[in-house]
Amino acid sequence: MATALQTAERRDVGRSPEACAAARRWVREVTQAWQCPDDQAADVALVLTELAANAMQHALPPCRAVLELRDDRTVVVTVLDGGPAPTALPQRDADEHGRGLTLVGGLSTDSGRRSAAPPFRVGAYAAVPVPAALMADVRSR
C-alpha cells in the first residue's frame, strides 16, 4: 500500500445497531463523489460494514472509518478501534457469524491489521480494486 494517496474521508462510527447502516450511507455518498461504479461502491460498503461489525463485536471504542482513494486504483477501507475488548459481545447465532473476514478477503487485493495512533490502538484495513476509469484526479473536486 505504498502508492500515492489522492484523497481521504473519515467518519466516527458509533456502536449502536444503526451505526453500520449509517456507515453504509456515508460510503455511498463518498463513492458517488469519487464517481465509483455501483458494483465497486457496493464492495466498498460491504467491506466497511464487515470491518466495523468486527470492531463493534470484538474491540473497545472509539471506532473510526477511513476511506482512501489511492493512485493504484484501490479504495483502502480502514476501521480503527481502541484495541481488543476484555470480552467480546456474545454471538447470537453461529450460522450468521464468522464469514465476514472471508468476504473481505474475497473482495480485496490486500487486507490485514496494523497498529494505530492514539486514541486508537488497532486498524483493520482492506484494499478494494476500482476500475481505471475512476482514476480521474478527484483532488480538484
Protein backbone atom coordinates (compact mmCIF):
# COMPACT_ATOMS: atom_id res chain seq x y z
CA MET A 1 0.00 0.00 0.00
CA ALA A 2 2.86 2.35 -0.74
CA THR A 3 1.01 4.09 -3.58
CA ALA A 4 0.17 7.78 -3.54
CA LEU A 5 -2.97 8.96 -1.82
CA GLN A 6 -5.37 11.00 -3.92
CA THR A 7 -7.92 11.83 -1.23
CA ALA A 8 -9.31 10.51 2.05
CA GLU A 9 -12.52 10.78 4.05
CA ARG A 10 -13.02 9.96 7.76
CA ARG A 11 -16.07 9.31 9.91
CA ASP A 12 -16.55 8.23 13.50
CA VAL A 13 -18.66 5.09 13.76
CA GLY A 14 -20.99 4.63 16.71
CA ARG A 15 -21.69 1.37 18.46
CA SER A 16 -25.46 1.33 18.07
CA PRO A 17 -27.33 -1.14 15.85
CA GLU A 18 -27.86 1.71 13.36
CA ALA A 19 -24.14 2.52 13.12
CA CYS A 20 -23.37 0.12 10.26
CA ALA A 21 -26.35 1.37 8.23
CA ALA A 22 -25.20 4.97 8.72
CA ALA A 23 -21.67 3.98 7.69
CA ARG A 24 -23.02 2.34 4.51
CA ARG A 25 -24.91 5.55 3.63
CA TRP A 26 -21.69 7.52 4.16
CA VAL A 27 -19.78 5.11 1.88
CA ARG A 28 -22.40 5.61 -0.85
CA GLU A 29 -22.02 9.40 -0.58
CA VAL A 30 -18.21 9.27 -0.73
CA THR A 31 -18.00 6.72 -3.55
CA GLN A 32 -20.58 8.68 -5.57
CA ALA A 33 -18.48 11.83 -5.16
CA TRP A 34 -15.48 9.80 -6.38
CA GLN A 35 -17.57 8.55 -9.36
CA CYS A 36 -17.11 4.95 -8.30
CA PRO A 37 -19.32 2.49 -10.23
CA ASP A 38 -22.17 0.98 -8.23
CA ASP A 39 -20.68 -2.53 -8.15
CA GLN A 40 -17.40 -1.36 -6.63
CA ALA A 41 -19.20 1.06 -4.29
CA ALA A 42 -21.23 -1.90 -3.01
CA ASP A 43 -18.00 -3.86 -2.46
CA VAL A 44 -16.50 -0.95 -0.50
CA ALA A 45 -19.69 -0.67 1.59
CA LEU A 46 -19.69 -4.41 2.34
CA VAL A 47 -16.01 -4.37 3.36
CA LEU A 48 -16.57 -1.37 5.65
CA THR A 49 -19.64 -2.99 7.18
CA GLU A 50 -17.78 -6.21 7.94
CA LEU A 51 -14.74 -4.47 9.43
CA ALA A 52 -16.94 -2.14 11.50
CA ALA A 53 -19.11 -5.02 12.73
CA ASN A 54 -15.95 -6.87 13.83
CA ALA A 55 -14.77 -3.78 15.71
CA MET A 56 -18.15 -3.44 17.41
CA GLN A 57 -18.16 -7.14 18.34
CA HIS A 58 -14.56 -7.57 19.48
CA ALA A 59 -12.96 -4.18 20.25
CA LEU A 60 -13.11 -1.23 22.58
CA PRO A 61 -14.24 2.22 21.42
CA PRO A 62 -13.57 4.60 19.79
CA CYS A 63 -14.24 3.39 16.26
CA ARG A 64 -13.45 5.40 13.12
CA ALA A 65 -13.81 4.54 9.43
CA VAL A 66 -11.37 5.88 6.84
CA LEU A 67 -11.73 5.66 3.05
CA GLU A 68 -8.65 6.44 0.96
CA LEU A 69 -8.66 6.70 -2.83
CA ARG A 70 -5.17 5.67 -3.99
CA ASP A 71 -3.33 6.06 -7.30
CA ASP A 72 -3.09 2.28 -7.80
CA ARG A 73 -6.85 2.09 -8.46
CA THR A 74 -7.85 0.96 -4.98
CA VAL A 75 -10.04 2.29 -2.24
CA VAL A 76 -8.41 1.40 1.06
CA VAL A 77 -11.02 0.87 3.76
CA THR A 78 -9.68 1.13 7.32
CA VAL A 79 -11.56 0.77 10.58
CA LEU A 80 -9.66 1.99 13.62
CA ASP A 81 -10.61 0.84 17.12
CA GLY A 82 -9.50 1.01 20.73
CA GLY A 83 -7.96 -2.47 20.78
CA PRO A 84 -9.28 -5.84 21.91
CA ALA A 85 -12.18 -5.83 24.35
CA PRO A 86 -11.67 -7.89 27.52
CA THR A 87 -14.65 -9.99 26.48
CA ALA A 88 -16.35 -9.93 23.11
CA LEU A 89 -20.07 -9.46 22.83
CA PRO A 90 -21.88 -12.82 22.76
CA GLN A 91 -22.67 -14.14 19.29
CA ARG A 92 -26.34 -14.61 18.64
CA ASP A 93 -26.30 -17.39 16.05
CA ALA A 94 -23.15 -19.15 14.84
CA ASP A 95 -24.74 -19.68 11.40
CA GLU A 96 -24.89 -15.91 10.91
CA HIS A 97 -21.32 -15.12 12.03
CA GLY A 98 -17.77 -15.95 11.15
CA ARG A 99 -17.76 -15.26 7.41
CA GLY A 100 -17.05 -11.52 7.42
CA LEU A 101 -13.29 -11.69 7.03
CA THR A 102 -13.69 -14.32 4.30
CA LEU A 103 -15.89 -11.84 2.40
CA VAL A 104 -13.37 -9.05 3.00
CA GLY A 105 -10.56 -11.25 1.68
CA GLY A 106 -12.55 -12.16 -1.41
CA LEU A 107 -13.33 -8.54 -2.28
CA SER A 108 -9.90 -7.07 -1.58
CA THR A 109 -6.42 -7.33 -3.05
CA ASP A 110 -4.80 -6.86 0.36
CA SER A 111 -6.07 -6.85 3.93
CA GLY A 112 -4.79 -7.10 7.47
CA ARG A 113 -4.28 -5.28 10.75
CA ARG A 114 -1.79 -2.65 11.87
CA SER A 115 -1.16 -0.52 14.92
CA ALA A 116 -2.74 2.94 15.07
CA ALA A 117 -2.06 6.27 16.77
CA PRO A 118 -3.95 7.17 20.00
CA PRO A 119 -6.77 7.23 20.87
CA PHE A 120 -6.91 4.19 18.58
CA ARG A 121 -4.81 1.07 19.02
CA VAL A 122 -5.57 -1.12 16.03
CA GLY A 123 -6.61 -0.60 12.43
CA ALA A 124 -8.08 -3.30 10.20
CA TYR A 125 -7.75 -2.48 6.51
CA ALA A 126 -8.68 -3.84 3.09
CA ALA A 127 -7.76 -2.55 -0.39
CA VAL A 128 -10.73 -2.82 -2.78
CA PRO A 129 -9.92 -2.51 -6.51
CA VAL A 130 -11.78 0.04 -8.63
CA PRO A 131 -11.77 0.44 -12.43
CA ALA A 132 -9.18 2.58 -14.19
CA ALA A 133 -11.91 4.90 -15.50
CA LEU A 134 -12.47 6.13 -11.93
CA MET A 135 -8.95 7.39 -11.55
CA ALA A 136 -9.59 10.92 -12.78
CA ASP A 137 -7.93 13.23 -10.30
CA VAL A 138 -10.51 13.80 -7.57
CA ARG A 139 -8.33 16.30 -5.71
CA SER A 140 -9.68 19.11 -7.86
CA ARG A 141 -13.30 18.40 -6.85
